[in-house]
Amino acid sequence: MEIVITAGKVTPSTEEITTPQAQKARRIANFLPRPELLRDAVIEHNQDDNTTSIRFETTAGPIRILLPIAEGFEFHIIHDSDTGPHILGTFRGASLSVRAVAFRISEFLRTRGLK
């Protein structure tokens, strides 16, 4: 599932977003190694902030994997709590395949008991 945030409003995506981050997010989501992650992954296009992330509902609340804006930047793992967003971790993924990035996301969530 994909959602788009524009002007503070959340709507389901009816047209395909074709940015490089959107295409990479779809490829990463397709390689998530566990069925429950694949089923629960939501690709979020925040056009207000010009970001794309993969969101999961976890036992601790929503977790977003924020894709890097440009080559050489990091993936950010963000917990959206009641007190605001908190960065739980980061990792460099510019040289990694989308399959390796999907595995890292899965292992991060599994080892912390989030999913």
C-alpha atoms as a PDB file:
ATOM      1  CA  MET A   1       0.000   0.000   0.000  1.00  0.00           C
ATOM      2  CA  GLU A   2       1.163   3.539  -0.684  1.00  0.00           C
ATOM      3  CA  ILE A   3       0.002   6.815   0.819  1.00  0.00           C
ATOM      4  CA  VAL A   4       0.754  10.413  -0.115  1.00  0.00           C
ATOM      5  CA  ILE A   5       0.940  13.342   2.291  1.00  0.00           C
ATOM      6  CA  THR A   6       0.297  16.709   0.669  1.00  0.00           C
ATOM      7  CA  ALA A   7      -0.562  19.936   2.494  1.00  0.00           C
ATOM      8  CA  GLY A   8      -0.853  17.957   5.729  1.00  0.00           C
ATOM      9  CA  LYS A   9      -3.527  15.606   4.332  1.00  0.00           C
ATOM     10  CA  VAL A  10      -2.999  11.855   4.047  1.00  0.00           C
ATOM     11  CA  THR A  11      -4.550  10.158   1.013  1.00  0.00           C
ATOM     12  CA  PRO A  12      -4.135   6.731  -0.558  1.00  0.00           C
ATOM     13  CA  SER A  13      -1.963   6.859  -3.658  1.00  0.00           C
ATOM     14  CA  THR A  14      -4.037   6.682  -6.820  1.00  0.00           C
ATOM     15  CA  GLU A  15      -1.254   7.451  -9.264  1.00  0.00           C
ATOM     16  CA  GLU A  16       2.246   6.070  -9.338  1.00  0.00           C
ATOM     17  CA  ILE A  17       4.941   8.295  -7.874  1.00  0.00           C
ATOM     18  CA  THR A  18       8.031   7.977 -10.099  1.00  0.00           C
ATOM     19  CA  THR A  19      10.781   9.583  -8.022  1.00  0.00           C
ATOM     20  CA  PRO A  20      14.006   7.584  -7.555  1.00  0.00           C
ATOM     21  CA  GLN A  21      13.253   7.222  -3.818  1.00  0.00           C
ATOM     22  CA  ALA A  22       9.762   5.869  -4.545  1.00  0.00           C
ATOM     23  CA  GLN A  23      11.110   3.302  -6.980  1.00  0.00           C
ATOM     24  CA  LYS A  24      13.810   2.227  -4.508  1.00  0.00           C
ATOM     25  CA  ALA A  25      11.262   1.974  -1.662  1.00  0.00           C
ATOM     26  CA  ARG A  26       9.102  -0.351  -3.784  1.00  0.00           C
ATOM     27  CA  ARG A  27      12.100  -2.539  -4.628  1.00  0.00           C
ATOM     28  CA  ILE A  28      13.165  -2.717  -0.965  1.00  0.00           C
ATOM     29  CA  ALA A  29       9.623  -3.584   0.154  1.00  0.00           C
ATOM     30  CA  ASN A  30       9.438  -6.386  -2.417  1.00  0.00           C
ATOM     31  CA  PHE A  31      12.545  -8.018  -0.900  1.00  0.00           C
ATOM     32  CA  LEU A  32      11.492  -7.883   2.761  1.00  0.00           C
ATOM     33  CA  PRO A  33      12.343 -11.408   3.943  1.00  0.00           C
ATOM     34  CA  ARG A  34       9.452 -12.026   6.334  1.00  0.00           C
ATOM     35  CA  PRO A  35       5.808 -12.221   5.173  1.00  0.00           C
ATOM     36  CA  GLU A  36       4.480 -10.134   8.076  1.00  0.00           C
ATOM     37  CA  LEU A  37       6.816  -7.297   7.127  1.00  0.00           C
ATOM     38  CA  LEU A  38       5.876  -7.478   3.470  1.00  0.00           C
ATOM     39  CA  ARG A  39       2.179  -7.515   4.335  1.00  0.00           C
ATOM     40  CA  ASP A  40       2.390  -4.604   6.802  1.00  0.00           C
ATOM     41  CA  ALA A  41       4.767  -2.315   4.889  1.00  0.00           C
ATOM     42  CA  VAL A  42       3.300   1.016   3.801  1.00  0.00           C
ATOM     43  CA  ILE A  43       5.255   3.279   1.472  1.00  0.00           C
ATOM     44  CA  GLU A  44       4.738   6.878   2.535  1.00  0.00           C
ATOM     45  CA  HIS A  45       5.429   9.769   0.149  1.00  0.00           C
ATOM     46  CA  ASN A  46       5.537  13.007   2.119  1.00  0.00           C
ATOM     47  CA  GLN A  47       5.423  15.666  -0.569  1.00  0.00           C
ATOM     48  CA  ASP A  48       5.454  18.439   2.051  1.00  0.00           C
ATOM     49  CA  ASP A  49       8.915  17.339   3.273  1.00  0.00           C
ATOM     50  CA  ASN A  50      10.006  15.825  -0.066  1.00  0.00           C
ATOM     51  CA  THR A  51      10.744  12.450   1.581  1.00  0.00           C
ATOM     52  CA  THR A  52       9.861   8.817   0.998  1.00  0.00           C
ATOM     53  CA  SER A  53       9.796   6.206   3.745  1.00  0.00           C
ATOM     54  CA  ILE A  54       8.621   2.675   4.463  1.00  0.00           C
ATOM     55  CA  ARG A  55       6.358   2.571   7.522  1.00  0.00           C
ATOM     56  CA  PHE A  56       5.582  -0.382   9.782  1.00  0.00           C
ATOM     57  CA  GLU A  57       3.130  -0.623  12.671  1.00  0.00           C
ATOM     58  CA  THR A  58       5.068  -2.285  15.503  1.00  0.00           C
ATOM     59  CA  THR A  59       4.519  -3.178  19.139  1.00  0.00           C
ATOM     60  CA  ALA A  60       6.100   0.175  20.103  1.00  0.00           C
ATOM     61  CA  GLY A  61       4.119   2.223  17.584  1.00  0.00           C
ATOM     62  CA  PRO A  62       4.848   3.354  14.023  1.00  0.00           C
ATOM     63  CA  ILE A  63       8.419   2.957  12.773  1.00  0.00           C
ATOM     64  CA  ARG A  64       9.544   4.652   9.541  1.00  0.00           C
ATOM     65  CA  ILE A  65      12.597   3.825   7.469  1.00  0.00           C
ATOM     66  CA  LEU A  66      13.420   7.156   5.843  1.00  0.00           C
ATOM     67  CA  LEU A  67      15.186   6.711   2.517  1.00  0.00           C
ATOM     68  CA  PRO A  68      18.193   8.924   1.792  1.00  0.00           C
ATOM     69  CA  ILE A  69      17.504  11.993  -0.301  1.00  0.00           C
ATOM     70  CA  ALA A  70      20.707  11.635  -2.311  1.00  0.00           C
ATOM     71  CA  GLU A  71      23.528   9.171  -2.868  1.00  0.00           C
ATOM     72  CA  GLY A  72      25.949   8.971   0.047  1.00  0.00           C
ATOM     73  CA  PHE A  73      23.425   9.793   2.762  1.00  0.00           C
ATOM     74  CA  GLU A  74      22.053   7.401   5.393  1.00  0.00           C
ATOM     75  CA  PHE A  75      18.826   5.513   5.932  1.00  0.00           C
ATOM     76  CA  HIS A  76      17.187   6.726   9.162  1.00  0.00           C
ATOM     77  CA  ILE A  77      15.049   4.489  11.352  1.00  0.00           C
ATOM     78  CA  ILE A  78      12.531   6.751  13.087  1.00  0.00           C
ATOM     79  CA  HIS A  79      10.007   5.968  15.825  1.00  0.00           C
ATOM     80  CA  ASP A  80       6.950   8.230  15.684  1.00  0.00           C
ATOM     81  CA  SER A  81       5.953   8.385  19.348  1.00  0.00           C
ATOM     82  CA  ASP A  82       3.472  10.558  21.229  1.00  0.00           C
ATOM     83  CA  THR A  83       6.286  12.961  22.113  1.00  0.00           C
ATOM     84  CA  GLY A  84       7.463  13.310  18.515  1.00  0.00           C
ATOM     85  CA  PRO A  85       9.808  11.514  16.137  1.00  0.00           C
ATOM     86  CA  HIS A  86      12.962   9.874  17.566  1.00  0.00           C
ATOM     87  CA  ILE A  87      15.814   8.455  15.492  1.00  0.00           C
ATOM     88  CA  LEU A  88      16.457   4.873  16.636  1.00  0.00           C
ATOM     89  CA  GLY A  89      19.312   4.219  14.268  1.00  0.00           C
ATOM     90  CA  THR A  90      20.938   4.901  10.946  1.00  0.00           C
ATOM     91  CA  PHE A  91      22.869   2.890   8.399  1.00  0.00           C
ATOM     92  CA  ARG A  92      24.639   3.614   5.155  1.00  0.00           C
ATOM     93  CA  GLY A  93      23.096   1.836   2.227  1.00  0.00           C
ATOM     94  CA  ALA A  94      24.407   3.553  -0.889  1.00  0.00           C
ATOM     95  CA  SER A  95      26.628   0.613  -1.810  1.00  0.00           C
ATOM     96  CA  LEU A  96      24.172  -2.068  -0.663  1.00  0.00           C
ATOM     97  CA  SER A  97      21.730  -3.891  -2.904  1.00  0.00           C
ATOM     98  CA  VAL A  98      18.012  -3.416  -2.205  1.00  0.00           C
ATOM     99  CA  ARG A  99      17.927  -7.021  -0.946  1.00  0.00           C
ATOM    100  CA  ALA A 100      20.656  -6.232   1.617  1.00  0.00           C
ATOM    101  CA  VAL A 101      18.825  -3.079   2.739  1.00  0.00           C
ATOM    102  CA  ALA A 102      15.595  -5.079   3.161  1.00  0.00           C
ATOM    103  CA  PHE A 103      17.475  -7.668   5.241  1.00  0.00           C
ATOM    104  CA  ARG A 104      19.000  -4.951   7.467  1.00  0.00           C
ATOM    105  CA  ILE A 105      15.556  -3.440   8.064  1.00  0.00           C
ATOM    106  CA  SER A 106      14.129  -6.853   8.929  1.00  0.00           C
ATOM    107  CA  GLU A 107      16.974  -7.669  11.322  1.00  0.00           C
ATOM    108  CA  PHE A 108      16.756  -4.262  13.017  1.00  0.00           C
ATOM    109  CA  LEU A 109      13.065  -4.756  13.749  1.00  0.00           C
ATOM    110  CA  ARG A 110      13.478  -8.435  14.751  1.00  0.00           C
ATOM    111  CA  THR A 111      16.456  -7.975  17.102  1.00  0.00           C
ATOM    112  CA  ARG A 112      14.677  -5.199  18.984  1.00  0.00           C
ATOM    113  CA  GLY A 113      11.446  -7.186  19.334  1.00  0.00           C
ATOM    114  CA  LEU A 114       9.487  -4.649  17.325  1.00  0.00           C
ATOM    115  CA  LYS A 115       8.199  -6.974  14.603  1.00  0.00           C
END
